[in-house]
C-alpha atoms as a PDB file:
ATOM      1  CA  MET A   1      21.373  40.631  38.237  1.00  0.00           C
ATOM      2  CA  ARG A   2      18.742  41.524  35.648  1.00  0.00           C
ATOM      3  CA  LYS A   3      15.809  39.075  35.462  1.00  0.00           C
ATOM      4  CA  ILE A   4      14.516  38.338  31.969  1.00  0.00           C
ATOM      5  CA  LEU A   5      11.290  36.581  30.984  1.00  0.00           C
ATOM      6  CA  VAL A   6      11.219  35.044  27.501  1.00  0.00           C
ATOM      7  CA  SER A   7       8.059  33.911  25.729  1.00  0.00           C
ATOM      8  CA  ASN A   8       6.711  33.391  22.219  1.00  0.00           C
ATOM      9  CA  ASP A   9       3.689  32.311  20.192  1.00  0.00           C
ATOM     10  CA  ASP A  10       5.314  29.509  18.176  1.00  0.00           C
ATOM     11  CA  GLY A  11       5.499  27.195  21.194  1.00  0.00           C
ATOM     12  CA  ILE A  12       7.999  25.834  23.682  1.00  0.00           C
ATOM     13  CA  ASP A  13       9.663  23.621  21.040  1.00  0.00           C
ATOM     14  CA  SER A  14      10.475  26.494  18.675  1.00  0.00           C
ATOM     15  CA  GLU A  15      14.102  26.658  17.589  1.00  0.00           C
ATOM     16  CA  ALA A  16      13.839  30.447  17.518  1.00  0.00           C
ATOM     17  CA  LEU A  17      12.780  30.485  21.183  1.00  0.00           C
ATOM     18  CA  VAL A  18      15.996  28.649  22.024  1.00  0.00           C
ATOM     19  CA  ARG A  19      17.985  31.259  20.105  1.00  0.00           C
ATOM     20  CA  LEU A  20      16.276  34.079  21.992  1.00  0.00           C
ATOM     21  CA  ALA A  21      16.754  32.447  25.414  1.00  0.00           C
ATOM     22  CA  SER A  22      20.437  31.910  24.609  1.00  0.00           C
ATOM     23  CA  LEU A  23      20.722  35.598  23.757  1.00  0.00           C
ATOM     24  CA  ALA A  24      18.861  36.624  26.909  1.00  0.00           C
ATOM     25  CA  LYS A  25      21.370  34.735  29.079  1.00  0.00           C
ATOM     26  CA  ARG A  26      24.027  37.260  28.054  1.00  0.00           C
ATOM     27  CA  PHE A  27      22.016  39.960  29.825  1.00  0.00           C
ATOM     28  CA  GLY A  28      20.859  38.233  33.020  1.00  0.00           C
ATOM     29  CA  GLU A  29      19.033  35.319  34.608  1.00  0.00           C
ATOM     30  CA  VAL A  30      16.382  33.848  32.325  1.00  0.00           C
ATOM     31  CA  TRP A  31      12.955  32.324  32.758  1.00  0.00           C
ATOM     32  CA  VAL A  32      11.072  30.883  29.771  1.00  0.00           C
ATOM     33  CA  VAL A  33       7.286  30.547  29.917  1.00  0.00           C
ATOM     34  CA  ALA A  34       5.822  29.522  26.564  1.00  0.00           C
ATOM     35  CA  PRO A  35       2.744  27.795  25.132  1.00  0.00           C
ATOM     36  CA  CYS A  36       2.827  24.026  24.742  1.00  0.00           C
ATOM     37  CA  ARG A  37       1.661  24.387  21.126  1.00  0.00           C
ATOM     38  CA  GLN A  38       1.473  26.836  18.252  1.00  0.00           C
ATOM     39  CA  PHE A  39      -0.506  29.968  19.149  1.00  0.00           C
ATOM     40  CA  SER A  40       0.231  32.299  16.231  1.00  0.00           C
ATOM     41  CA  SER A  41      -2.310  34.945  15.198  1.00  0.00           C
ATOM     42  CA  MET A  42      -4.033  34.888  18.592  1.00  0.00           C
ATOM     43  CA  SER A  43      -3.353  38.600  19.212  1.00  0.00           C
ATOM     44  CA  HIS A  44      -3.775  39.541  22.899  1.00  0.00           C
ATOM     45  CA  ALA A  45      -6.167  36.664  23.656  1.00  0.00           C
ATOM     46  CA  ALA A  46      -6.246  35.589  27.288  1.00  0.00           C
ATOM     47  CA  ASN A  47      -7.981  32.760  29.126  1.00  0.00           C
ATOM     48  CA  PHE A  48      -9.776  33.971  32.235  1.00  0.00           C
ATOM     49  CA  TRP A  49     -12.389  31.234  32.574  1.00  0.00           C
ATOM     50  CA  GLU A  50     -10.597  27.877  32.434  1.00  0.00           C
ATOM     51  CA  PRO A  51      -7.689  26.614  34.567  1.00  0.00           C
ATOM     52  CA  MET A  52      -4.253  26.812  32.951  1.00  0.00           C
ATOM     53  CA  GLU A  53      -1.802  23.942  33.318  1.00  0.00           C
ATOM     54  CA  VAL A  54       1.889  24.721  33.809  1.00  0.00           C
ATOM     55  CA  TRP A  55       4.786  22.257  33.975  1.00  0.00           C
ATOM     56  CA  PRO A  56       8.594  22.439  33.971  1.00  0.00           C
ATOM     57  CA  VAL A  57      10.433  21.343  30.834  1.00  0.00           C
ATOM     58  CA  ASP A  58      14.000  20.342  30.046  1.00  0.00           C
ATOM     59  CA  PHE A  59      15.213  23.296  28.025  1.00  0.00           C
ATOM     60  CA  PRO A  60      18.288  23.060  25.783  1.00  0.00           C
ATOM     61  CA  VAL A  61      19.917  26.189  27.243  1.00  0.00           C
ATOM     62  CA  GLU A  62      21.806  25.562  30.463  1.00  0.00           C
ATOM     63  CA  GLY A  63      20.690  27.561  33.486  1.00  0.00           C
ATOM     64  CA  VAL A  64      17.334  28.652  32.050  1.00  0.00           C
ATOM     65  CA  HIS A  65      14.203  28.067  34.149  1.00  0.00           C
ATOM     66  CA  ALA A  66      11.622  26.850  31.612  1.00  0.00           C
ATOM     67  CA  TYR A  67       7.903  26.105  31.759  1.00  0.00           C
ATOM     68  CA  ALA A  68       5.287  25.093  29.209  1.00  0.00           C
ATOM     69  CA  THR A  69       1.649  26.052  29.636  1.00  0.00           C
ATOM     70  CA  THR A  70      -1.742  25.404  28.073  1.00  0.00           C
ATOM     71  CA  GLY A  71      -2.322  29.153  28.019  1.00  0.00           C
ATOM     72  CA  THR A  72      -2.013  31.749  25.293  1.00  0.00           C
ATOM     73  CA  PRO A  73       1.173  33.804  24.857  1.00  0.00           C
ATOM     74  CA  SER A  74      -0.469  36.621  26.800  1.00  0.00           C
ATOM     75  CA  ASP A  75      -1.298  34.150  29.591  1.00  0.00           C
ATOM     76  CA  CYS A  76       2.324  32.969  29.590  1.00  0.00           C
ATOM     77  CA  VAL A  77       3.679  36.490  30.040  1.00  0.00           C
ATOM     78  CA  SER A  78       1.134  37.316  32.735  1.00  0.00           C
ATOM     79  CA  PHE A  79       1.968  34.101  34.622  1.00  0.00           C
ATOM     80  CA  GLY A  80       5.666  34.757  34.223  1.00  0.00           C
ATOM     81  CA  ILE A  81       5.405  38.287  35.582  1.00  0.00           C
ATOM     82  CA  THR A  82       3.097  37.535  38.495  1.00  0.00           C
ATOM     83  CA  THR A  83       4.126  34.008  39.469  1.00  0.00           C
ATOM     84  CA  ALA A  84       7.080  32.311  37.766  1.00  0.00           C
ATOM     85  CA  VAL A  85       9.787  34.972  38.072  1.00  0.00           C
ATOM     86  CA  PRO A  86      10.565  35.802  41.713  1.00  0.00           C
ATOM     87  CA  GLY A  87      10.002  39.486  42.325  1.00  0.00           C
ATOM     88  CA  ARG A  88       8.888  40.088  38.707  1.00  0.00           C
ATOM     89  CA  PRO A  89      11.139  40.356  35.645  1.00  0.00           C
ATOM     90  CA  ASP A  90      12.976  43.501  34.676  1.00  0.00           C
ATOM     91  CA  VAL A  91      12.336  42.950  30.981  1.00  0.00           C
ATOM     92  CA  VAL A  92      10.355  40.640  28.692  1.00  0.00           C
ATOM     93  CA  PHE A  93      11.671  39.344  25.367  1.00  0.00           C
ATOM     94  CA  CYS A  94       9.049  37.903  22.989  1.00  0.00           C
ATOM     95  CA  GLY A  95       9.913  35.850  19.904  1.00  0.00           C
ATOM     96  CA  ILE A  96      11.815  35.319  17.806  1.00  0.00           C
ATOM     97  CA  ASN A  97       8.640  35.131  15.753  1.00  0.00           C
ATOM     98  CA  LYS A  98       8.642  33.206  12.484  1.00  0.00           C
ATOM     99  CA  GLY A  99       7.194  35.874  10.232  1.00  0.00           C
ATOM    100  CA  TYR A 100       7.215  39.662  10.247  1.00  0.00           C
ATOM    101  CA  ASN A 101       5.062  41.589  12.707  1.00  0.00           C
ATOM    102  CA  VAL A 102       4.495  44.716  10.652  1.00  0.00           C
ATOM    103  CA  ALA A 103       1.648  46.689   9.084  1.00  0.00           C
ATOM    104  CA  SER A 104      -1.861  45.309   9.656  1.00  0.00           C
ATOM    105  CA  GLY A 105      -0.346  41.983  10.712  1.00  0.00           C
ATOM    106  CA  ILE A 106       0.489  43.499  14.098  1.00  0.00           C
ATOM    107  CA  GLN A 107      -3.144  43.375  15.182  1.00  0.00           C
ATOM    108  CA  TYR A 108      -3.124  39.572  14.819  1.00  0.00           C
ATOM    109  CA  SER A 109       0.308  38.934  16.283  1.00  0.00           C
ATOM    110  CA  ALA A 110       0.416  36.971  19.525  1.00  0.00           C
ATOM    111  CA  THR A 111       4.115  37.815  19.801  1.00  0.00           C
ATOM    112  CA  VAL A 112       3.251  41.507  19.935  1.00  0.00           C
ATOM    113  CA  GLY A 113       0.183  40.708  22.055  1.00  0.00           C
ATOM    114  CA  ALA A 114       2.383  38.970  24.623  1.00  0.00           C
ATOM    115  CA  ALA A 115       4.787  41.924  24.710  1.00  0.00           C
ATOM    116  CA  LEU A 116       1.847  44.295  25.136  1.00  0.00           C
ATOM    117  CA  GLU A 117       0.690  42.224  28.101  1.00  0.00           C
ATOM    118  CA  ALA A 118       4.067  42.946  29.688  1.00  0.00           C
ATOM    119  CA  ALA A 119       3.623  46.654  28.965  1.00  0.00           C
ATOM    120  CA  ASN A 120       0.138  46.448  30.471  1.00  0.00           C
ATOM    121  CA  GLN A 121       1.803  45.226  33.666  1.00  0.00           C
ATOM    122  CA  ASN A 122       4.470  47.951  33.516  1.00  0.00           C
ATOM    123  CA  VAL A 123       7.347  45.700  32.457  1.00  0.00           C
ATOM    124  CA  HIS A 124       9.744  46.800  29.699  1.00  0.00           C
ATOM    125  CA  ALA A 125       9.223  44.579  26.633  1.00  0.00           C
ATOM    126  CA  ILE A 126      10.737  43.915  23.215  1.00  0.00           C
ATOM    127  CA  ALA A 127       9.130  41.856  20.434  1.00  0.00           C
ATOM    128  CA  PHE A 128      11.533  40.264  17.938  1.00  0.00           C
ATOM    129  CA  SER A 129      10.453  38.883  14.551  1.00  0.00           C
ATOM    130  CA  GLU A 130      12.143  37.653  11.392  1.00  0.00           C
ATOM    131  CA  SER A 131      11.208  36.467   7.927  1.00  0.00           C
ATOM    132  CA  HIS A 132       9.246  33.225   7.853  1.00  0.00           C
ATOM    133  CA  GLU A 133      11.426  32.127   4.964  1.00  0.00           C
ATOM    134  CA  GLY A 134      14.899  33.063   3.863  1.00  0.00           C
ATOM    135  CA  SER A 135      18.116  33.615   5.748  1.00  0.00           C
ATOM    136  CA  HIS A 136      18.505  34.344   9.464  1.00  0.00           C
ATOM    137  CA  GLU A 137      21.943  35.858   8.918  1.00  0.00           C
ATOM    138  CA  VAL A 138      20.866  39.418   9.696  1.00  0.00           C
ATOM    139  CA  THR A 139      19.004  38.325  12.839  1.00  0.00           C
ATOM    140  CA  ASP A 140      21.969  36.370  14.159  1.00  0.00           C
ATOM    141  CA  ARG A 141      24.404  39.181  13.380  1.00  0.00           C
ATOM    142  CA  TYR A 142      22.437  42.112  14.850  1.00  0.00           C
ATOM    143  CA  ILE A 143      20.006  40.847  17.503  1.00  0.00           C
ATOM    144  CA  GLU A 144      22.493  41.030  20.372  1.00  0.00           C
ATOM    145  CA  SER A 145      23.540  44.621  19.690  1.00  0.00           C
ATOM    146  CA  LEU A 146      19.913  45.727  19.261  1.00  0.00           C
ATOM    147  CA  ALA A 147      18.839  43.918  22.434  1.00  0.00           C
ATOM    148  CA  ALA A 148      21.675  45.641  24.312  1.00  0.00           C
ATOM    149  CA  GLU A 149      20.573  49.002  22.917  1.00  0.00           C
ATOM    150  CA  LEU A 150      16.848  48.589  23.608  1.00  0.00           C
ATOM    151  CA  ILE A 151      16.836  46.642  26.873  1.00  0.00           C
ATOM    152  CA  ASP A 152      16.991  49.823  28.935  1.00  0.00           C
ATOM    153  CA  LYS A 153      16.000  52.393  26.323  1.00  0.00           C
ATOM    154  CA  PRO A 154      13.015  54.352  27.634  1.00  0.00           C
ATOM    155  CA  LEU A 155       9.509  53.690  26.395  1.00  0.00           C
ATOM    156  CA  GLY A 156       6.366  55.701  26.851  1.00  0.00           C
ATOM    157  CA  ASP A 157       3.505  54.477  28.973  1.00  0.00           C
ATOM    158  CA  ASN A 158       2.155  51.181  27.658  1.00  0.00           C
ATOM    159  CA  GLU A 159       4.590  51.000  24.717  1.00  0.00           C
ATOM    160  CA  ILE A 160       6.841  48.184  23.496  1.00  0.00           C
ATOM    161  CA  TRP A 161       9.785  47.984  21.123  1.00  0.00           C
ATOM    162  CA  ASN A 162       8.985  46.064  17.941  1.00  0.00           C
ATOM    163  CA  VAL A 163      11.971  44.781  15.934  1.00  0.00           C
ATOM    164  CA  ASN A 164      11.801  42.983  12.570  1.00  0.00           C
ATOM    165  CA  PHE A 165      14.803  41.414  10.825  1.00  0.00           C
ATOM    166  CA  PRO A 166      14.795  40.996   7.023  1.00  0.00           C
ATOM    167  CA  GLY A 167      15.349  37.558   5.528  1.00  0.00           C
ATOM    168  CA  CYS A 168      18.126  38.630   3.179  1.00  0.00           C
ATOM    169  CA  ALA A 169      21.762  37.564   3.204  1.00  0.00           C
ATOM    170  CA  LEU A 170      24.232  39.789   5.034  1.00  0.00           C
ATOM    171  CA  ASP A 171      25.721  41.103   1.791  1.00  0.00           C
ATOM    172  CA  GLU A 172      22.256  42.375   0.783  1.00  0.00           C
ATOM    173  CA  PHE A 173      21.496  44.014   4.141  1.00  0.00           C
ATOM    174  CA  LYS A 174      20.937  47.798   3.940  1.00  0.00           C
ATOM    175  CA  GLY A 175      21.063  48.868   7.598  1.00  0.00           C
ATOM    176  CA  VAL A 176      18.905  49.567  10.643  1.00  0.00           C
ATOM    177  CA  ARG A 177      15.960  51.950  10.396  1.00  0.00           C
ATOM    178  CA  TYR A 178      14.780  53.507  13.651  1.00  0.00           C
ATOM    179  CA  GLY A 179      11.475  55.179  14.390  1.00  0.00           C
ATOM    180  CA  CYS A 180       9.595  53.094  11.846  1.00  0.00           C
ATOM    181  CA  THR A 181       5.876  53.766  11.809  1.00  0.00           C
ATOM    182  CA  ILE A 182       3.312  50.995  11.460  1.00  0.00           C
ATOM    183  CA  SER A 183       2.486  50.709   7.785  1.00  0.00           C
ATOM    184  CA  GLN A 184      -1.115  51.324   6.824  1.00  0.00           C
ATOM    185  CA  GLY A 185      -0.763  48.647   4.131  1.00  0.00           C
ATOM    186  CA  THR A 186      -2.699  45.423   4.357  1.00  0.00           C
ATOM    187  CA  PHE A 187       0.420  43.177   4.344  1.00  0.00           C
ATOM    188  CA  PHE A 188      -1.713  40.151   3.354  1.00  0.00           C
ATOM    189  CA  THR A 189      -5.036  39.771   1.603  1.00  0.00           C
ATOM    190  CA  GLY A 190      -7.041  36.621   2.116  1.00  0.00           C
ATOM    191  CA  SER A 191      -9.868  34.493   0.828  1.00  0.00           C
ATOM    192  CA  TYR A 192     -11.319  31.136   1.824  1.00  0.00           C
ATOM    193  CA  LYS A 193     -10.917  27.964  -0.201  1.00  0.00           C
ATOM    194  CA  GLU A 194     -13.169  24.947   0.237  1.00  0.00           C
ATOM    195  CA  ILE A 195     -11.078  21.877   1.073  1.00  0.00           C
ATOM    196  CA  SER A 196     -13.721  19.286   2.008  1.00  0.00           C
ATOM    197  CA  ARG A 197     -17.462  18.812   2.334  1.00  0.00           C
ATOM    198  CA  ASP A 198     -19.624  16.535   4.493  1.00  0.00           C
ATOM    199  CA  GLY A 199     -23.274  17.185   3.734  1.00  0.00           C
ATOM    200  CA  ASP A 200     -24.045  20.740   4.800  1.00  0.00           C
ATOM    201  CA  ARG A 201     -20.762  21.030   6.669  1.00  0.00           C
ATOM    202  CA  ILE A 202     -17.982  22.573   4.589  1.00  0.00           C
ATOM    203  CA  LYS A 203     -14.371  22.934   5.687  1.00  0.00           C
ATOM    204  CA  TYR A 204     -12.488  25.994   4.463  1.00  0.00           C
ATOM    205  CA  ARG A 205      -8.889  27.118   4.709  1.00  0.00           C
ATOM    206  CA  VAL A 206      -7.839  30.741   4.470  1.00  0.00           C
ATOM    207  CA  GLU A 207      -5.355  31.499   1.705  1.00  0.00           C
ATOM    208  CA  LEU A 208      -3.153  34.519   2.359  1.00  0.00           C
ATOM    209  CA  VAL A 209      -1.505  36.430  -0.484  1.00  0.00           C
ATOM    210  CA  PRO A 210       1.263  38.981   0.224  1.00  0.00           C
ATOM    211  CA  ASP A 211       0.246  42.564  -0.526  1.00  0.00           C
ATOM    212  CA  TRP A 212       3.433  44.432   0.311  1.00  0.00           C
ATOM    213  CA  LYS A 213       3.216  48.153  -0.387  1.00  0.00           C
ATOM    214  CA  GLY A 214       4.884  49.838   2.545  1.00  0.00           C
ATOM    215  CA  GLU A 215       4.929  53.624   2.592  1.00  0.00           C
ATOM    216  CA  GLU A 216       8.183  55.495   3.199  1.00  0.00           C
ATOM    217  CA  GLY A 217       9.343  55.374   6.813  1.00  0.00           C
ATOM    218  CA  SER A 218       7.171  52.395   7.683  1.00  0.00           C
ATOM    219  CA  ASP A 219       8.066  49.012   9.148  1.00  0.00           C
ATOM    220  CA  LEU A 220       6.898  47.200   6.025  1.00  0.00           C
ATOM    221  CA  ALA A 221       8.989  49.392   3.734  1.00  0.00           C
ATOM    222  CA  ALA A 222      12.048  48.674   5.886  1.00  0.00           C
ATOM    223  CA  VAL A 223      11.876  44.886   5.600  1.00  0.00           C
ATOM    224  CA  ILE A 224      10.937  45.037   1.920  1.00  0.00           C
ATOM    225  CA  GLU A 225      14.104  47.059   1.357  1.00  0.00           C
ATOM    226  CA  ASN A 226      16.281  44.617   3.375  1.00  0.00           C
ATOM    227  CA  CYS A 227      16.535  46.794   6.468  1.00  0.00           C
ATOM    228  CA  ILE A 228      15.911  46.054  10.129  1.00  0.00           C
ATOM    229  CA  SER A 229      12.778  47.818  11.324  1.00  0.00           C
ATOM    230  CA  VAL A 230      12.823  49.265  14.853  1.00  0.00           C
ATOM    231  CA  GLY A 231       9.730  51.036  16.098  1.00  0.00           C
ATOM    232  CA  LYS A 232       7.207  51.307  18.902  1.00  0.00           C
ATOM    233  CA  VAL A 233       3.764  49.787  19.292  1.00  0.00           C
ATOM    234  CA  MET A 234       1.317  51.213  21.807  1.00  0.00           C
ATOM    235  CA  ASN A 235      -1.291  49.247  23.733  1.00  0.00           C
ATOM    236  CA  PHE A 236      -4.800  50.517  24.381  1.00  0.00           C
ATOM    237  CA  ARG A 237      -5.652  51.165  27.997  1.00  0.00           C
END
């Protein structure tokens, strides 16, 4: 039976993680290793210098072996591959991320970073993401068929599949676009707003503004136009 490791960057309590683990069960035996808290925008960060705590959790999907950790998403995948899953997993599913992983946002994504850690250890990996807001109808309708298609579909050395589902209703959905390139658009622009001050110490919060101008054939253009984006992301080695 196929062994599947599932992880994310939104934390062990994420509703979308439960959805992905439930999906994964249709393809094999499932292990979940996920951070104990939110770890979004941590990219491929890993903790090599401090001990990592790991503990079993009661997971709301029957038959799933589940663990929470104090590590980053990349740590979770590395631990899952080397330690938690007996004999290593055959495939790693990461997500379902709350928010698109497209364009320049990919470099910050810990969902993609975790999948790239799997690729770095020569394990087939797929990153799944959906709109932070809006409907999940397209995700729920098409994720199983896309997972079935991509779970064994060949990848180049150190590559992952990156799938993004638009947040539109099903009647607005325009189809699946394959071979999407990573948009060179900025996706978000940001500035810092002062929110409090204590003497010389000032607290700021970044304010992100969407800047969606995806070029034709890109991942960003696909989701803007209510399409599923399917493409590859390559790690650096």
